[in-house]
Amino acid sequence: MAASGLNAATYDREGRSHIAALADYAMHLMEQMKYINEHSFNNFQMKIGLSPVAGVIGARKPQYDIWGNTVNVSSRMDSTGVPDRIQVTTDLYQVLAAKGYV
């Protein structure tokens, strides 16, 4: 699990650059997997799902956790995702499409 925009220094409410950073990270992971496969003679496959929901619990020792519908969305992304593709929710798609992502 990876997260972006978790604190005031990295959360960009208006420009949503933290979402673009997460999408860029996902694309770099896919490129790295391709590189690994080409140079190790393997055929590893990866599914990536991006969703704009997370939660923090704990006041003294914050821990990141997911619950509720987020778990259901993740499960659906895993079961319906296509290997070697990045799947996003509709909300994330709208943000990324407005930034020119395909």
PDB file of N, CA and C in Angstrom:
ATOM      1  N   MET A   1       0.850  -1.164   0.000  1.00  0.00           N
ATOM      2  CA  MET A   1       0.000   0.000   0.000  1.00  0.00           C
ATOM      3  C   MET A   1       0.897   1.228   0.000  1.00  0.00           C
ATOM      4  N   ALA A   2       0.547   2.191  -0.790  1.00  0.00           N
ATOM      5  CA  ALA A   2       1.259   3.471  -0.828  1.00  0.00           C
ATOM      6  C   ALA A   2       0.236   4.578  -0.643  1.00  0.00           C
ATOM      7  N   ALA A   3       0.673   5.691  -0.098  1.00  0.00           N
ATOM      8  CA  ALA A   3      -0.235   6.813   0.146  1.00  0.00           C
ATOM      9  C   ALA A   3       0.438   8.111  -0.240  1.00  0.00           C
ATOM     10  N   SER A   4      -0.378   9.093  -0.525  1.00  0.00           N
ATOM     11  CA  SER A   4       0.121  10.401  -0.928  1.00  0.00           C
ATOM     12  C   SER A   4      -0.817  11.468  -0.369  1.00  0.00           C
ATOM     13  N   GLY A   5      -0.255  12.613  -0.008  1.00  0.00           N
ATOM     14  CA  GLY A   5      -1.077  13.711   0.494  1.00  0.00           C
ATOM     15  C   GLY A   5      -1.573  13.498   1.905  1.00  0.00           C
ATOM     16  N   LEU A   6      -0.758  12.881   2.750  1.00  0.00           N
ATOM     17  CA  LEU A   6      -1.213  12.534   4.091  1.00  0.00           C
ATOM     18  C   LEU A   6      -1.089  13.654   5.118  1.00  0.00           C
ATOM     19  N   ASN A   7      -0.305  14.656   4.821  1.00  0.00           N
ATOM     20  CA  ASN A   7      -0.168  15.738   5.788  1.00  0.00           C
ATOM     21  C   ASN A   7      -0.228  17.090   5.074  1.00  0.00           C
ATOM     22  N   ALA A   8      -0.224  18.153   5.837  1.00  0.00           N
ATOM     23  CA  ALA A   8      -0.378  19.497   5.265  1.00  0.00           C
ATOM     24  C   ALA A   8       0.732  19.832   4.271  1.00  0.00           C
ATOM     25  N   ALA A   9       1.909  19.282   4.466  1.00  0.00           N
ATOM     26  CA  ALA A   9       3.033  19.580   3.573  1.00  0.00           C
ATOM     27  C   ALA A   9       2.886  18.915   2.205  1.00  0.00           C
ATOM     28  N   THR A  10       2.135  17.810   2.132  1.00  0.00           N
ATOM     29  CA  THR A  10       2.029  17.085   0.863  1.00  0.00           C
ATOM     30  C   THR A  10       0.617  17.066   0.278  1.00  0.00           C
ATOM     31  N   TYR A  11      -0.373  17.507   1.051  1.00  0.00           N
ATOM     32  CA  TYR A  11      -1.754  17.509   0.565  1.00  0.00           C
ATOM     33  C   TYR A  11      -2.023  18.801  -0.202  1.00  0.00           C
ATOM     34  N   ASP A  12      -2.457  18.671  -1.443  1.00  0.00           N
ATOM     35  CA  ASP A  12      -2.729  19.818  -2.308  1.00  0.00           C
ATOM     36  C   ASP A  12      -4.211  19.811  -2.655  1.00  0.00           C
ATOM     37  N   ARG A  13      -5.009  20.489  -1.844  1.00  0.00           N
ATOM     38  CA  ARG A  13      -6.466  20.472  -2.010  1.00  0.00           C
ATOM     39  C   ARG A  13      -6.899  21.024  -3.361  1.00  0.00           C
ATOM     40  N   GLU A  14      -6.276  22.076  -3.833  1.00  0.00           N
ATOM     41  CA  GLU A  14      -6.727  22.719  -5.084  1.00  0.00           C
ATOM     42  C   GLU A  14      -6.086  22.118  -6.325  1.00  0.00           C
ATOM     43  N   GLY A  15      -4.783  21.963  -6.327  1.00  0.00           N
ATOM     44  CA  GLY A  15      -4.098  21.463  -7.518  1.00  0.00           C
ATOM     45  C   GLY A  15      -4.079  19.961  -7.645  1.00  0.00           C
ATOM     46  N   ARG A  16      -4.343  19.284  -6.538  1.00  0.00           N
ATOM     47  CA  ARG A  16      -4.355  17.817  -6.495  1.00  0.00           C
ATOM     48  C   ARG A  16      -3.052  17.188  -6.984  1.00  0.00           C
ATOM     49  N   SER A  17      -1.926  17.880  -6.754  1.00  0.00           N
ATOM     50  CA  SER A  17      -0.638  17.350  -7.202  1.00  0.00           C
ATOM     51  C   SER A  17      -0.274  16.057  -6.474  1.00  0.00           C
ATOM     52  N   HIS A  18      -0.801  15.843  -5.276  1.00  0.00           N
ATOM     53  CA  HIS A  18      -0.510  14.600  -4.560  1.00  0.00           C
ATOM     54  C   HIS A  18      -1.136  13.399  -5.266  1.00  0.00           C
ATOM     55  N   ILE A  19      -2.240  13.613  -5.975  1.00  0.00           N
ATOM     56  CA  ILE A  19      -2.855  12.529  -6.744  1.00  0.00           C
ATOM     57  C   ILE A  19      -2.011  12.231  -7.983  1.00  0.00           C
ATOM     58  N   ALA A  20      -1.528  13.278  -8.633  1.00  0.00           N
ATOM     59  CA  ALA A  20      -0.647  13.089  -9.787  1.00  0.00           C
ATOM     60  C   ALA A  20       0.635  12.376  -9.362  1.00  0.00           C
ATOM     61  N   ALA A  21       1.158  12.708  -8.181  1.00  0.00           N
ATOM     62  CA  ALA A  21       2.373  12.041  -7.688  1.00  0.00           C
ATOM     63  C   ALA A  21       2.126  10.554  -7.487  1.00  0.00           C
ATOM     64  N   LEU A  22       0.970  10.201  -6.970  1.00  0.00           N
ATOM     65  CA  LEU A  22       0.628   8.796  -6.774  1.00  0.00           C
ATOM     66  C   LEU A  22       0.485   8.071  -8.113  1.00  0.00           C
ATOM     67  N   ALA A  23      -0.151   8.717  -9.080  1.00  0.00           N
ATOM     68  CA  ALA A  23      -0.294   8.117 -10.411  1.00  0.00           C
ATOM     69  C   ALA A  23       1.072   7.948 -11.073  1.00  0.00           C
ATOM     70  N   ASP A  24       1.943   8.941 -10.938  1.00  0.00           N
ATOM     71  CA  ASP A  24       3.296   8.842 -11.497  1.00  0.00           C
ATOM     72  C   ASP A  24       4.057   7.684 -10.857  1.00  0.00           C
ATOM     73  N   TYR A  25       3.894   7.533  -9.551  1.00  0.00           N
ATOM     74  CA  TYR A  25       4.540   6.437  -8.838  1.00  0.00           C
ATOM     75  C   TYR A  25       4.053   5.089  -9.377  1.00  0.00           C
ATOM     76  N   ALA A  26       2.748   4.968  -9.590  1.00  0.00           N
ATOM     77  CA  ALA A  26       2.183   3.721 -10.117  1.00  0.00           C
ATOM     78  C   ALA A  26       2.743   3.416 -11.507  1.00  0.00           C
ATOM     79  N   MET A  27       2.856   4.440 -12.339  1.00  0.00           N
ATOM     80  CA  MET A  27       3.396   4.221 -13.687  1.00  0.00           C
ATOM     81  C   MET A  27       4.874   3.827 -13.628  1.00  0.00           C
ATOM     82  N   HIS A  28       5.627   4.407 -12.696  1.00  0.00           N
ATOM     83  CA  HIS A  28       7.037   4.019 -12.540  1.00  0.00           C
ATOM     84  C   HIS A  28       7.156   2.573 -12.051  1.00  0.00           C
ATOM     85  N   LEU A  29       6.246   2.159 -11.178  1.00  0.00           N
ATOM     86  CA  LEU A  29       6.249   0.757 -10.743  1.00  0.00           C
ATOM     87  C   LEU A  29       6.034  -0.184 -11.921  1.00  0.00           C
ATOM     88  N   MET A  30       5.113   0.177 -12.796  1.00  0.00           N
ATOM     89  CA  MET A  30       4.856  -0.665 -13.974  1.00  0.00           C
ATOM     90  C   MET A  30       6.086  -0.714 -14.889  1.00  0.00           C
ATOM     91  N   GLU A  31       6.740   0.435 -15.072  1.00  0.00           N
ATOM     92  CA  GLU A  31       7.959   0.462 -15.887  1.00  0.00           C
ATOM     93  C   GLU A  31       9.049  -0.399 -15.260  1.00  0.00           C
ATOM     94  N   GLN A  32       9.174  -0.328 -13.940  1.00  0.00           N
ATOM     95  CA  GLN A  32      10.192  -1.117 -13.251  1.00  0.00           C
ATOM     96  C   GLN A  32       9.909  -2.611 -13.379  1.00  0.00           C
ATOM     97  N   MET A  33       8.643  -2.989 -13.308  1.00  0.00           N
ATOM     98  CA  MET A  33       8.289  -4.404 -13.467  1.00  0.00           C
ATOM     99  C   MET A  33       8.667  -4.878 -14.874  1.00  0.00           C
ATOM    100  N   LYS A  34       8.428  -4.050 -15.868  1.00  0.00           N
ATOM    101  CA  LYS A  34       8.806  -4.408 -17.242  1.00  0.00           C
ATOM    102  C   LYS A  34      10.318  -4.584 -17.336  1.00  0.00           C
ATOM    103  N   TYR A  35      11.066  -3.688 -16.720  1.00  0.00           N
ATOM    104  CA  TYR A  35      12.528  -3.774 -16.725  1.00  0.00           C
ATOM    105  C   TYR A  35      12.992  -5.067 -16.051  1.00  0.00           C
ATOM    106  N   ILE A  36      12.396  -5.368 -14.894  1.00  0.00           N
ATOM    107  CA  ILE A  36      12.765  -6.596 -14.174  1.00  0.00           C
ATOM    108  C   ILE A  36      12.506  -7.822 -15.042  1.00  0.00           C
ATOM    109  N   ASN A  37      11.355  -7.859 -15.694  1.00  0.00           N
ATOM    110  CA  ASN A  37      11.024  -9.007 -16.542  1.00  0.00           C
ATOM    111  C   ASN A  37      11.992  -9.145 -17.713  1.00  0.00           C
ATOM    112  N   GLU A  38      12.355  -8.021 -18.317  1.00  0.00           N
ATOM    113  CA  GLU A  38      13.263  -8.076 -19.468  1.00  0.00           C
ATOM    114  C   GLU A  38      14.659  -8.548 -19.075  1.00  0.00           C
ATOM    115  N   HIS A  39      15.093  -8.190 -17.871  1.00  0.00           N
ATOM    116  CA  HIS A  39      16.465  -8.493 -17.473  1.00  0.00           C
ATOM    117  C   HIS A  39      16.606  -9.720 -16.582  1.00  0.00           C
ATOM    118  N   SER A  40      15.511 -10.331 -16.209  1.00  0.00           N
ATOM    119  CA  SER A  40      15.603 -11.539 -15.381  1.00  0.00           C
ATOM    120  C   SER A  40      14.915 -12.723 -16.040  1.00  0.00           C
ATOM    121  N   PHE A  41      14.438 -12.525 -17.262  1.00  0.00           N
ATOM    122  CA  PHE A  41      13.771 -13.588 -18.012  1.00  0.00           C
ATOM    123  C   PHE A  41      12.576 -14.161 -17.251  1.00  0.00           C
ATOM    124  N   ASN A  42      11.839 -13.270 -16.600  1.00  0.00           N
ATOM    125  CA  ASN A  42      10.622 -13.653 -15.876  1.00  0.00           C
ATOM    126  C   ASN A  42       9.428 -13.004 -16.560  1.00  0.00           C
ATOM    127  N   ASN A  43       8.267 -13.361 -16.106  1.00  0.00           N
ATOM    128  CA  ASN A  43       7.048 -12.764 -16.624  1.00  0.00           C
ATOM    129  C   ASN A  43       6.115 -12.413 -15.457  1.00  0.00           C
ATOM    130  N   PHE A  44       6.659 -11.634 -14.517  1.00  0.00           N
ATOM    131  CA  PHE A  44       5.843 -11.199 -13.397  1.00  0.00           C
ATOM    132  C   PHE A  44       4.771 -10.247 -13.891  1.00  0.00           C
ATOM    133  N   GLN A  45       3.614 -10.309 -13.278  1.00  0.00           N
ATOM    134  CA  GLN A  45       2.529  -9.397 -13.614  1.00  0.00           C
ATOM    135  C   GLN A  45       2.059  -8.700 -12.347  1.00  0.00           C
ATOM    136  N   MET A  46       1.569  -7.487 -12.525  1.00  0.00           N
ATOM    137  CA  MET A  46       1.132  -6.703 -11.382  1.00  0.00           C
ATOM    138  C   MET A  46      -0.154  -5.973 -11.735  1.00  0.00           C
ATOM    139  N   LYS A  47      -1.049  -5.898 -10.763  1.00  0.00           N
ATOM    140  CA  LYS A  47      -2.261  -5.088 -10.883  1.00  0.00           C
ATOM    141  C   LYS A  47      -2.115  -3.947  -9.887  1.00  0.00           C
ATOM    142  N   ILE A  48      -2.439  -2.742 -10.315  1.00  0.00           N
ATOM    143  CA  ILE A  48      -2.398  -1.596  -9.413  1.00  0.00           C
ATOM    144  C   ILE A  48      -3.771  -0.943  -9.427  1.00  0.00           C
ATOM    145  N   GLY A  49      -4.272  -0.640  -8.243  1.00  0.00           N
ATOM    146  CA  GLY A  49      -5.542   0.062  -8.114  1.00  0.00           C
ATOM    147  C   GLY A  49      -5.342   1.323  -7.289  1.00  0.00           C
ATOM    148  N   LEU A  50      -5.851   2.436  -7.781  1.00  0.00           N
ATOM    149  CA  LEU A  50      -5.743   3.711  -7.075  1.00  0.00           C
ATOM    150  C   LEU A  50      -7.123   4.176  -6.645  1.00  0.00           C
ATOM    151  N   SER A  51      -7.233   4.533  -5.378  1.00  0.00           N
ATOM    152  CA  SER A  51      -8.495   4.994  -4.826  1.00  0.00           C
ATOM    153  C   SER A  51      -8.196   6.150  -3.867  1.00  0.00           C
ATOM    154  N   PRO A  52      -9.025   7.176  -3.860  1.00  0.00           N
ATOM    155  CA  PRO A  52      -8.712   8.367  -3.054  1.00  0.00           C
ATOM    156  C   PRO A  52      -9.199   8.310  -1.609  1.00  0.00           C
ATOM    157  N   VAL A  53      -9.117   7.162  -0.955  1.00  0.00           N
ATOM    158  CA  VAL A  53      -9.640   7.063   0.400  1.00  0.00           C
ATOM    159  C   VAL A  53      -8.627   6.364   1.298  1.00  0.00           C
ATOM    160  N   ALA A  54      -8.435   6.916   2.493  1.00  0.00           N
ATOM    161  CA  ALA A  54      -7.612   6.281   3.516  1.00  0.00           C
ATOM    162  C   ALA A  54      -8.028   6.866   4.846  1.00  0.00           C
ATOM    163  N   GLY A  55      -7.479   6.348   5.896  1.00  0.00           N
ATOM    164  CA  GLY A  55      -7.816   6.874   7.201  1.00  0.00           C
ATOM    165  C   GLY A  55      -6.652   6.756   8.149  1.00  0.00           C
ATOM    166  N   VAL A  56      -6.658   7.591   9.166  1.00  0.00           N
ATOM    167  CA  VAL A  56      -5.632   7.568  10.190  1.00  0.00           C
ATOM    168  C   VAL A  56      -6.324   7.359  11.528  1.00  0.00           C
ATOM    169  N   ILE A  57      -5.800   6.431  12.316  1.00  0.00           N
ATOM    170  CA  ILE A  57      -6.354   6.206  13.645  1.00  0.00           C
ATOM    171  C   ILE A  57      -5.242   6.388  14.669  1.00  0.00           C
ATOM    172  N   GLY A  58      -5.591   6.872  15.835  1.00  0.00           N
ATOM    173  CA  GLY A  58      -4.626   7.041  16.912  1.00  0.00           C
ATOM    174  C   GLY A  58      -4.136   8.467  17.025  1.00  0.00           C
ATOM    175  N   ALA A  59      -4.194   9.020  18.233  1.00  0.00           N
ATOM    176  CA  ALA A  59      -3.746  10.391  18.463  1.00  0.00           C
ATOM    177  C   ALA A  59      -2.276  10.448  18.879  1.00  0.00           C
ATOM    178  N   ARG A  60      -1.832   9.483  19.668  1.00  0.00           N
ATOM    179  CA  ARG A  60      -0.447   9.493  20.149  1.00  0.00           C
ATOM    180  C   ARG A  60       0.508   8.775  19.213  1.00  0.00           C
ATOM    181  N   LYS A  61       0.027   7.708  18.621  1.00  0.00           N
ATOM    182  CA  LYS A  61       0.842   6.934  17.684  1.00  0.00           C
ATOM    183  C   LYS A  61      -0.015   6.667  16.449  1.00  0.00           C
ATOM    184  N   PRO A  62      -0.081   7.640  15.526  1.00  0.00           N
ATOM    185  CA  PRO A  62      -0.953   7.477  14.351  1.00  0.00           C
ATOM    186  C   PRO A  62      -0.568   6.253  13.515  1.00  0.00           C
ATOM    187  N   GLN A  63      -1.586   5.531  13.094  1.00  0.00           N
ATOM    188  CA  GLN A  63      -1.397   4.397  12.216  1.00  0.00           C
ATOM    189  C   GLN A  63      -2.384   4.525  11.064  1.00  0.00           C
ATOM    190  N   TYR A  64      -1.944   4.190   9.902  1.00  0.00           N
ATOM    191  CA  TYR A  64      -2.812   4.254   8.735  1.00  0.00           C
ATOM    192  C   TYR A  64      -3.582   2.955   8.628  1.00  0.00           C
ATOM    193  N   ASP A  65      -4.832   3.065   8.288  1.00  0.00           N
ATOM    194  CA  ASP A  65      -5.682   1.885   8.221  1.00  0.00           C
ATOM    195  C   ASP A  65      -6.751   2.121   7.163  1.00  0.00           C
ATOM    196  N   ILE A  66      -7.332   1.060   6.695  1.00  0.00           N
ATOM    197  CA  ILE A  66      -8.451   1.174   5.763  1.00  0.00           C
ATOM    198  C   ILE A  66      -9.609   0.387   6.319  1.00  0.00           C
ATOM    199  N   TRP A  67     -10.811   0.843   6.031  1.00  0.00           N
ATOM    200  CA  TRP A  67     -12.005   0.178   6.531  1.00  0.00           C
ATOM    201  C   TRP A  67     -13.192   0.523   5.663  1.00  0.00           C
ATOM    202  N   GLY A  68     -14.292  -0.126   5.915  1.00  0.00           N
ATOM    203  CA  GLY A  68     -15.551   0.182   5.246  1.00  0.00           C
ATOM    204  C   GLY A  68     -15.509  -0.054   3.749  1.00  0.00           C
ATOM    205  N   ASN A  69     -16.095   0.877   3.018  1.00  0.00           N
ATOM    206  CA  ASN A  69     -16.212   0.743   1.569  1.00  0.00           C
ATOM    207  C   ASN A  69     -14.850   0.692   0.879  1.00  0.00           C
ATOM    208  N   THR A  70     -13.833   1.277   1.484  1.00  0.00           N
ATOM    209  CA  THR A  70     -12.493   1.227   0.906  1.00  0.00           C
ATOM    210  C   THR A  70     -12.037  -0.215   0.717  1.00  0.00           C
ATOM    211  N   VAL A  71     -12.342  -1.063   1.679  1.00  0.00           N
ATOM    212  CA  VAL A  71     -11.976  -2.476   1.587  1.00  0.00           C
ATOM    213  C   VAL A  71     -12.743  -3.129   0.441  1.00  0.00           C
ATOM    214  N   ASN A  72     -14.020  -2.789   0.295  1.00  0.00           N
ATOM    215  CA  ASN A  72     -14.823  -3.348  -0.795  1.00  0.00           C
ATOM    216  C   ASN A  72     -14.298  -2.899  -2.153  1.00  0.00           C
ATOM    217  N   VAL A  73     -13.952  -1.618  -2.279  1.00  0.00           N
ATOM    218  CA  VAL A  73     -13.415  -1.097  -3.549  1.00  0.00           C
ATOM    219  C   VAL A  73     -12.105  -1.803  -3.874  1.00  0.00           C
ATOM    220  N   SER A  74     -11.247  -1.966  -2.873  1.00  0.00           N
ATOM    221  CA  SER A  74      -9.968  -2.648  -3.097  1.00  0.00           C
ATOM    222  C   SER A  74     -10.176  -4.086  -3.549  1.00  0.00           C
ATOM    223  N   SER A  75     -11.108  -4.763  -2.926  1.00  0.00           N
ATOM    224  CA  SER A  75     -11.404  -6.143  -3.293  1.00  0.00           C
ATOM    225  C   SER A  75     -11.907  -6.222  -4.734  1.00  0.00           C
ATOM    226  N   ARG A  76     -12.794  -5.309  -5.100  1.00  0.00           N
ATOM    227  CA  ARG A  76     -13.315  -5.300  -6.480  1.00  0.00           C
ATOM    228  C   ARG A  76     -12.212  -4.983  -7.483  1.00  0.00           C
ATOM    229  N   MET A  77     -11.335  -4.046  -7.136  1.00  0.00           N
ATOM    230  CA  MET A  77     -10.222  -3.718  -8.035  1.00  0.00           C
ATOM    231  C   MET A  77      -9.307  -4.924  -8.220  1.00  0.00           C
ATOM    232  N   ASP A  78      -9.098  -5.669  -7.140  1.00  0.00           N
ATOM    233  CA  ASP A  78      -8.240  -6.850  -7.240  1.00  0.00           C
ATOM    234  C   ASP A  78      -8.881  -7.928  -8.101  1.00  0.00           C
ATOM    235  N   SER A  79     -10.181  -8.164  -7.906  1.00  0.00           N
ATOM    236  CA  SER A  79     -10.844  -9.246  -8.639  1.00  0.00           C
ATOM    237  C   SER A  79     -11.146  -8.889 -10.093  1.00  0.00           C
ATOM    238  N   THR A  80     -11.311  -7.609 -10.400  1.00  0.00           N
ATOM    239  CA  THR A  80     -11.647  -7.218 -11.775  1.00  0.00           C
ATOM    240  C   THR A  80     -10.491  -6.559 -12.514  1.00  0.00           C
ATOM    241  N   GLY A  81      -9.401  -6.295 -11.806  1.00  0.00           N
ATOM    242  CA  GLY A  81      -8.266  -5.617 -12.434  1.00  0.00           C
ATOM    243  C   GLY A  81      -7.614  -6.461 -13.512  1.00  0.00           C
ATOM    244  N   VAL A  82      -7.031  -5.792 -14.452  1.00  0.00           N
ATOM    245  CA  VAL A  82      -6.342  -6.453 -15.558  1.00  0.00           C
ATOM    246  C   VAL A  82      -4.843  -6.403 -15.265  1.00  0.00           C
ATOM    247  N   PRO A  83      -4.148  -7.546 -15.334  1.00  0.00           N
ATOM    248  CA  PRO A  83      -2.700  -7.531 -15.090  1.00  0.00           C
ATOM    249  C   PRO A  83      -2.000  -6.537 -16.014  1.00  0.00           C
ATOM    250  N   ASP A  84      -0.988  -5.898 -15.470  1.00  0.00           N
ATOM    251  CA  ASP A  84      -0.167  -4.919 -16.194  1.00  0.00           C
ATOM    252  C   ASP A  84      -0.932  -3.656 -16.553  1.00  0.00           C
ATOM    253  N   ARG A  85      -1.959  -3.352 -15.797  1.00  0.00           N
ATOM    254  CA  ARG A  85      -2.746  -2.130 -15.991  1.00  0.00           C
ATOM    255  C   ARG A  85      -2.944  -1.453 -14.645  1.00  0.00           C
ATOM    256  N   ILE A  86      -3.219  -0.150 -14.688  1.00  0.00           N
ATOM    257  CA  ILE A  86      -3.519   0.618 -13.491  1.00  0.00           C
ATOM    258  C   ILE A  86      -4.996   0.962 -13.521  1.00  0.00           C
ATOM    259  N   GLN A  87      -5.708   0.504 -12.522  1.00  0.00           N
ATOM    260  CA  GLN A  87      -7.142   0.749 -12.433  1.00  0.00           C
ATOM    261  C   GLN A  87      -7.371   1.891 -11.446  1.00  0.00           C
ATOM    262  N   VAL A  88      -8.270   2.819 -11.798  1.00  0.00           N
ATOM    263  CA  VAL A  88      -8.577   3.946 -10.926  1.00  0.00           C
ATOM    264  C   VAL A  88     -10.083   4.061 -10.744  1.00  0.00           C
ATOM    265  N   THR A  89     -10.485   4.693  -9.663  1.00  0.00           N
ATOM    266  CA  THR A  89     -11.905   4.946  -9.448  1.00  0.00           C
ATOM    267  C   THR A  89     -12.341   6.093 -10.347  1.00  0.00           C
ATOM    268  N   THR A  90     -13.632   6.278 -10.482  1.00  0.00           N
ATOM    269  CA  THR A  90     -14.170   7.357 -11.307  1.00  0.00           C
ATOM    270  C   THR A  90     -13.695   8.715 -10.813  1.00  0.00           C
ATOM    271  N   ASP A  91     -13.701   8.910  -9.503  1.00  0.00           N
ATOM    272  CA  ASP A  91     -13.252  10.194  -8.942  1.00  0.00           C
ATOM    273  C   ASP A  91     -11.803  10.485  -9.309  1.00  0.00           C
ATOM    274  N   LEU A  92     -10.945   9.484  -9.173  1.00  0.00           N
ATOM    275  CA  LEU A  92      -9.543   9.683  -9.518  1.00  0.00           C
ATOM    276  C   LEU A  92      -9.374   9.887 -11.013  1.00  0.00           C
ATOM    277  N   TYR A  93     -10.130   9.162 -11.805  1.00  0.00           N
ATOM    278  CA  TYR A  93     -10.063   9.326 -13.258  1.00  0.00           C
ATOM    279  C   TYR A  93     -10.341  10.775 -13.647  1.00  0.00           C
ATOM    280  N   GLN A  94     -11.350  11.373 -13.058  1.00  0.00           N
ATOM    281  CA  GLN A  94     -11.708  12.754 -13.400  1.00  0.00           C
ATOM    282  C   GLN A  94     -10.580  13.721 -13.066  1.00  0.00           C
ATOM    283  N   VAL A  95      -9.945  13.533 -11.930  1.00  0.00           N
ATOM    284  CA  VAL A  95      -8.826  14.400 -11.549  1.00  0.00           C
ATOM    285  C   VAL A  95      -7.661  14.206 -12.506  1.00  0.00           C
ATOM    286  N   LEU A  96      -7.324  12.962 -12.794  1.00  0.00           N
ATOM    287  CA  LEU A  96      -6.167  12.666 -13.646  1.00  0.00           C
ATOM    288  C   LEU A  96      -6.425  13.056 -15.096  1.00  0.00           C
ATOM    289  N   ALA A  97      -7.629  12.842 -15.605  1.00  0.00           N
ATOM    290  CA  ALA A  97      -7.953  13.224 -16.990  1.00  0.00           C
ATOM    291  C   ALA A  97      -7.831  14.742 -17.152  1.00  0.00           C
ATOM    292  N   ALA A  98      -8.243  15.492 -16.148  1.00  0.00           N
ATOM    293  CA  ALA A  98      -8.143  16.960 -16.217  1.00  0.00           C
ATOM    294  C   ALA A  98      -6.681  17.400 -16.243  1.00  0.00           C
ATOM    295  N   LYS A  99      -5.784  16.565 -15.750  1.00  0.00           N
ATOM    296  CA  LYS A  99      -4.361  16.874 -15.758  1.00  0.00           C
ATOM    297  C   LYS A  99      -3.655  16.317 -16.994  1.00  0.00           C
ATOM    298  N   GLY A 100      -4.406  15.675 -17.885  1.00  0.00           N
ATOM    299  CA  GLY A 100      -3.840  15.176 -19.131  1.00  0.00           C
ATOM    300  C   GLY A 100      -3.391  13.726 -19.106  1.00  0.00           C
ATOM    301  N   TYR A 101      -3.687  13.006 -18.045  1.00  0.00           N
ATOM    302  CA  TYR A 101      -3.321  11.589 -17.994  1.00  0.00           C
ATOM    303  C   TYR A 101      -4.282  10.801 -18.872  1.00  0.00           C
ATOM    304  N   VAL A 102      -3.762   9.749 -19.492  1.00  0.00           N
ATOM    305  CA  VAL A 102      -4.552   8.879 -20.345  1.00  0.00           C
ATOM    306  C   VAL A 102      -4.710   7.532 -19.660  1.00  0.00           C
TER     307      VAL A 102
END
